Amino acid sequence: MTFYTKTEVRALIHKDLKKDTLNRWLKKIEEWTLYSFNEEVPTSSNYYVNGQPVKRKVYDETDIKHLQELYYLRVDKRLPLAYAIHKVFLTDEDFERWKLGKWDKEAEWQKLIEKE
């Protein structure tokens, strides 16, 4: 599996996507949903500390597809950011619950913890 850096991903999403915009989106995705991005060593890493490659947030092909869809909904369709993020990063069932105000991140975390 190939892991991409944020800089590489930005170019793959859209050439006009600004760095600050992508950073804000990535923060909001993890803040508002249960989705989290992996921490690994990027495939093309050239960042080392004490001779060891450094782990950082990385993005795979699935993440890129989701982020491209988010770009389409947010920029091309002009949907509100919260709506677009929840549409892309929640299941269809959870998205419908979110639209009705019945989906809560903390409650969903508790359900996951109780299952384990």
C-alpha atoms as a PDB file:
ATOM      1  CA  MET A   1       0.000   0.000   0.000  1.00  0.00           C
ATOM      2  CA  THR A   2       1.253   3.449  -0.864  1.00  0.00           C
ATOM      3  CA  PHE A   3       1.086   6.179   1.773  1.00  0.00           C
ATOM      4  CA  TYR A   4       1.083   9.802   0.662  1.00  0.00           C
ATOM      5  CA  THR A   5       2.034  12.960   2.533  1.00  0.00           C
ATOM      6  CA  LYS A   6      -0.341  15.875   2.911  1.00  0.00           C
ATOM      7  CA  THR A   7       1.578  17.787   0.230  1.00  0.00           C
ATOM      8  CA  GLU A   8       1.251  14.903  -2.237  1.00  0.00           C
ATOM      9  CA  VAL A   9      -2.436  14.450  -1.433  1.00  0.00           C
ATOM     10  CA  ARG A  10      -3.267  18.106  -1.973  1.00  0.00           C
ATOM     11  CA  ALA A  11      -2.076  17.912  -5.573  1.00  0.00           C
ATOM     12  CA  LEU A  12      -4.058  14.700  -6.129  1.00  0.00           C
ATOM     13  CA  ILE A  13      -7.293  16.188  -4.786  1.00  0.00           C
ATOM     14  CA  HIS A  14      -7.265  19.328  -6.919  1.00  0.00           C
ATOM     15  CA  LYS A  15      -4.631  21.724  -8.194  1.00  0.00           C
ATOM     16  CA  ASP A  16      -6.483  24.740  -6.734  1.00  0.00           C
ATOM     17  CA  LEU A  17      -6.898  23.347  -3.202  1.00  0.00           C
ATOM     18  CA  LYS A  18      -5.121  25.601  -0.729  1.00  0.00           C
ATOM     19  CA  LYS A  19      -2.898  24.167   1.998  1.00  0.00           C
ATOM     20  CA  ASP A  20      -4.792  25.916   4.803  1.00  0.00           C
ATOM     21  CA  THR A  21      -8.109  24.658   3.473  1.00  0.00           C
ATOM     22  CA  LEU A  22      -6.895  21.054   3.381  1.00  0.00           C
ATOM     23  CA  ASN A  23      -5.441  21.373   6.884  1.00  0.00           C
ATOM     24  CA  ARG A  24      -8.758  22.718   8.197  1.00  0.00           C
ATOM     25  CA  TRP A  25     -10.709  19.926   6.491  1.00  0.00           C
ATOM     26  CA  LEU A  26      -8.453  17.186   7.848  1.00  0.00           C
ATOM     27  CA  LYS A  27      -8.760  18.575  11.367  1.00  0.00           C
ATOM     28  CA  LYS A  28     -12.558  18.849  11.115  1.00  0.00           C
ATOM     29  CA  ILE A  29     -12.925  15.321   9.707  1.00  0.00           C
ATOM     30  CA  GLU A  30     -11.221  13.820  12.755  1.00  0.00           C
ATOM     31  CA  GLU A  31     -12.938  16.260  15.118  1.00  0.00           C
ATOM     32  CA  TRP A  32     -16.491  15.724  13.838  1.00  0.00           C
ATOM     33  CA  THR A  33     -16.469  12.033  12.849  1.00  0.00           C
ATOM     34  CA  LEU A  34     -14.991   8.731  13.998  1.00  0.00           C
ATOM     35  CA  TYR A  35     -12.735   8.678  10.937  1.00  0.00           C
ATOM     36  CA  SER A  36      -9.021   8.950  11.597  1.00  0.00           C
ATOM     37  CA  PHE A  37      -6.067   8.983   9.282  1.00  0.00           C
ATOM     38  CA  ASN A  38      -3.144   6.582   9.730  1.00  0.00           C
ATOM     39  CA  GLU A  39       0.173   7.500  11.253  1.00  0.00           C
ATOM     40  CA  GLU A  40       2.917   5.784   9.307  1.00  0.00           C
ATOM     41  CA  VAL A  41       6.108   6.566   7.471  1.00  0.00           C
ATOM     42  CA  PRO A  42       5.161   8.012   4.070  1.00  0.00           C
ATOM     43  CA  THR A  43       6.253   5.876   1.132  1.00  0.00           C
ATOM     44  CA  SER A  44       8.421   8.664  -0.258  1.00  0.00           C
ATOM     45  CA  SER A  45       9.673   9.839   3.145  1.00  0.00           C
ATOM     46  CA  ASN A  46      12.843  11.842   3.326  1.00  0.00           C
ATOM     47  CA  TYR A  47      12.307  13.135   6.864  1.00  0.00           C
ATOM     48  CA  TYR A  48      14.518  11.468   9.486  1.00  0.00           C
ATOM     49  CA  VAL A  49      15.349  12.048  13.144  1.00  0.00           C
ATOM     50  CA  ASN A  50      18.404  10.293  14.585  1.00  0.00           C
ATOM     51  CA  GLY A  51      18.658   8.251  11.402  1.00  0.00           C
ATOM     52  CA  GLN A  52      15.072   6.914  11.689  1.00  0.00           C
ATOM     53  CA  PRO A  53      12.169   7.838   9.395  1.00  0.00           C
ATOM     54  CA  VAL A  54       9.500   9.809  11.246  1.00  0.00           C
ATOM     55  CA  LYS A  55       5.884   8.693  11.417  1.00  0.00           C
ATOM     56  CA  ARG A  56       3.268  11.275  10.540  1.00  0.00           C
ATOM     57  CA  LYS A  57      -0.265  11.403   9.215  1.00  0.00           C
ATOM     58  CA  VAL A  58      -0.432   9.650   5.875  1.00  0.00           C
ATOM     59  CA  TYR A  59      -3.167   9.127   3.346  1.00  0.00           C
ATOM     60  CA  ASP A  60      -3.925   6.125   1.143  1.00  0.00           C
ATOM     61  CA  GLU A  61      -5.950   5.771  -2.056  1.00  0.00           C
ATOM     62  CA  THR A  62      -9.231   5.424  -0.133  1.00  0.00           C
ATOM     63  CA  ASP A  63      -8.534   8.622   1.792  1.00  0.00           C
ATOM     64  CA  ILE A  64      -7.745  10.415  -1.455  1.00  0.00           C
ATOM     65  CA  LYS A  65     -11.043   9.288  -3.025  1.00  0.00           C
ATOM     66  CA  HIS A  66     -12.939  10.502   0.053  1.00  0.00           C
ATOM     67  CA  LEU A  67     -11.128  13.839  -0.008  1.00  0.00           C
ATOM     68  CA  GLN A  68     -11.796  14.260  -3.737  1.00  0.00           C
ATOM     69  CA  GLU A  69     -15.486  13.654  -3.057  1.00  0.00           C
ATOM     70  CA  LEU A  70     -15.362  16.186  -0.221  1.00  0.00           C
ATOM     71  CA  TYR A  71     -13.772  18.727  -2.573  1.00  0.00           C
ATOM     72  CA  TYR A  72     -16.511  18.107  -5.148  1.00  0.00           C
ATOM     73  CA  LEU A  73     -19.320  18.526  -2.605  1.00  0.00           C
ATOM     74  CA  ARG A  74     -17.782  21.535  -0.880  1.00  0.00           C
ATOM     75  CA  VAL A  75     -16.348  23.474  -3.826  1.00  0.00           C
ATOM     76  CA  ASP A  76     -18.287  22.378  -6.911  1.00  0.00           C
ATOM     77  CA  LYS A  77     -21.670  21.783  -5.251  1.00  0.00           C
ATOM     78  CA  ARG A  78     -21.114  24.531  -2.619  1.00  0.00           C
ATOM     79  CA  LEU A  79     -22.497  22.447   0.231  1.00  0.00           C
ATOM     80  CA  PRO A  80     -21.761  23.459   3.838  1.00  0.00           C
ATOM     81  CA  LEU A  81     -18.545  21.922   5.188  1.00  0.00           C
ATOM     82  CA  ALA A  82     -20.224  20.045   8.047  1.00  0.00           C
ATOM     83  CA  TYR A  83     -22.785  18.517   5.666  1.00  0.00           C
ATOM     84  CA  ALA A  84     -20.134  17.489   3.124  1.00  0.00           C
ATOM     85  CA  ILE A  85     -17.819  15.953   5.728  1.00  0.00           C
ATOM     86  CA  HIS A  86     -20.590  13.942   7.356  1.00  0.00           C
ATOM     87  CA  LYS A  87     -21.912  12.848   3.947  1.00  0.00           C
ATOM     88  CA  VAL A  88     -18.515  11.497   2.906  1.00  0.00           C
ATOM     89  CA  PHE A  89     -17.102  10.151   6.166  1.00  0.00           C
ATOM     90  CA  LEU A  90     -20.180   8.598   7.824  1.00  0.00           C
ATOM     91  CA  THR A  91     -22.084   5.521   6.729  1.00  0.00           C
ATOM     92  CA  ASP A  92     -25.351   6.213   4.911  1.00  0.00           C
ATOM     93  CA  GLU A  93     -27.297   5.157   8.010  1.00  0.00           C
ATOM     94  CA  ASP A  94     -25.260   7.377  10.342  1.00  0.00           C
ATOM     95  CA  PHE A  95     -25.496  10.276   7.897  1.00  0.00           C
ATOM     96  CA  GLU A  96     -29.292  10.052   7.912  1.00  0.00           C
ATOM     97  CA  ARG A  97     -29.242  10.014  11.729  1.00  0.00           C
ATOM     98  CA  TRP A  98     -26.870  13.011  11.710  1.00  0.00           C
ATOM     99  CA  LYS A  99     -29.266  14.962   9.475  1.00  0.00           C
ATOM    100  CA  LEU A 100     -32.016  14.325  12.026  1.00  0.00           C
ATOM    101  CA  GLY A 101     -29.755  15.412  14.888  1.00  0.00           C
ATOM    102  CA  LYS A 102     -29.624  11.890  16.336  1.00  0.00           C
ATOM    103  CA  TRP A 103     -25.956  11.062  15.697  1.00  0.00           C
ATOM    104  CA  ASP A 104     -23.411  11.983  18.366  1.00  0.00           C
ATOM    105  CA  LYS A 105     -19.689  11.270  18.109  1.00  0.00           C
ATOM    106  CA  GLU A 106     -19.207  10.672  21.838  1.00  0.00           C
ATOM    107  CA  ALA A 107     -22.140   8.265  21.998  1.00  0.00           C
ATOM    108  CA  GLU A 108     -20.791   6.381  18.984  1.00  0.00           C
ATOM    109  CA  TRP A 109     -17.364   6.095  20.664  1.00  0.00           C
ATOM    110  CA  GLN A 110     -19.042   4.639  23.738  1.00  0.00           C
ATOM    111  CA  LYS A 111     -20.822   2.039  21.595  1.00  0.00           C
ATOM    112  CA  LEU A 112     -17.504   1.018  20.045  1.00  0.00           C
ATOM    113  CA  ILE A 113     -15.805   0.770  23.429  1.00  0.00           C
ATOM    114  CA  GLU A 114     -18.620  -1.347  24.852  1.00  0.00           C
ATOM    115  CA  LYS A 115     -18.381  -3.787  21.914  1.00  0.00           C
ATOM    116  CA  GLU A 116     -14.746  -4.542  22.744  1.00  0.00           C
END
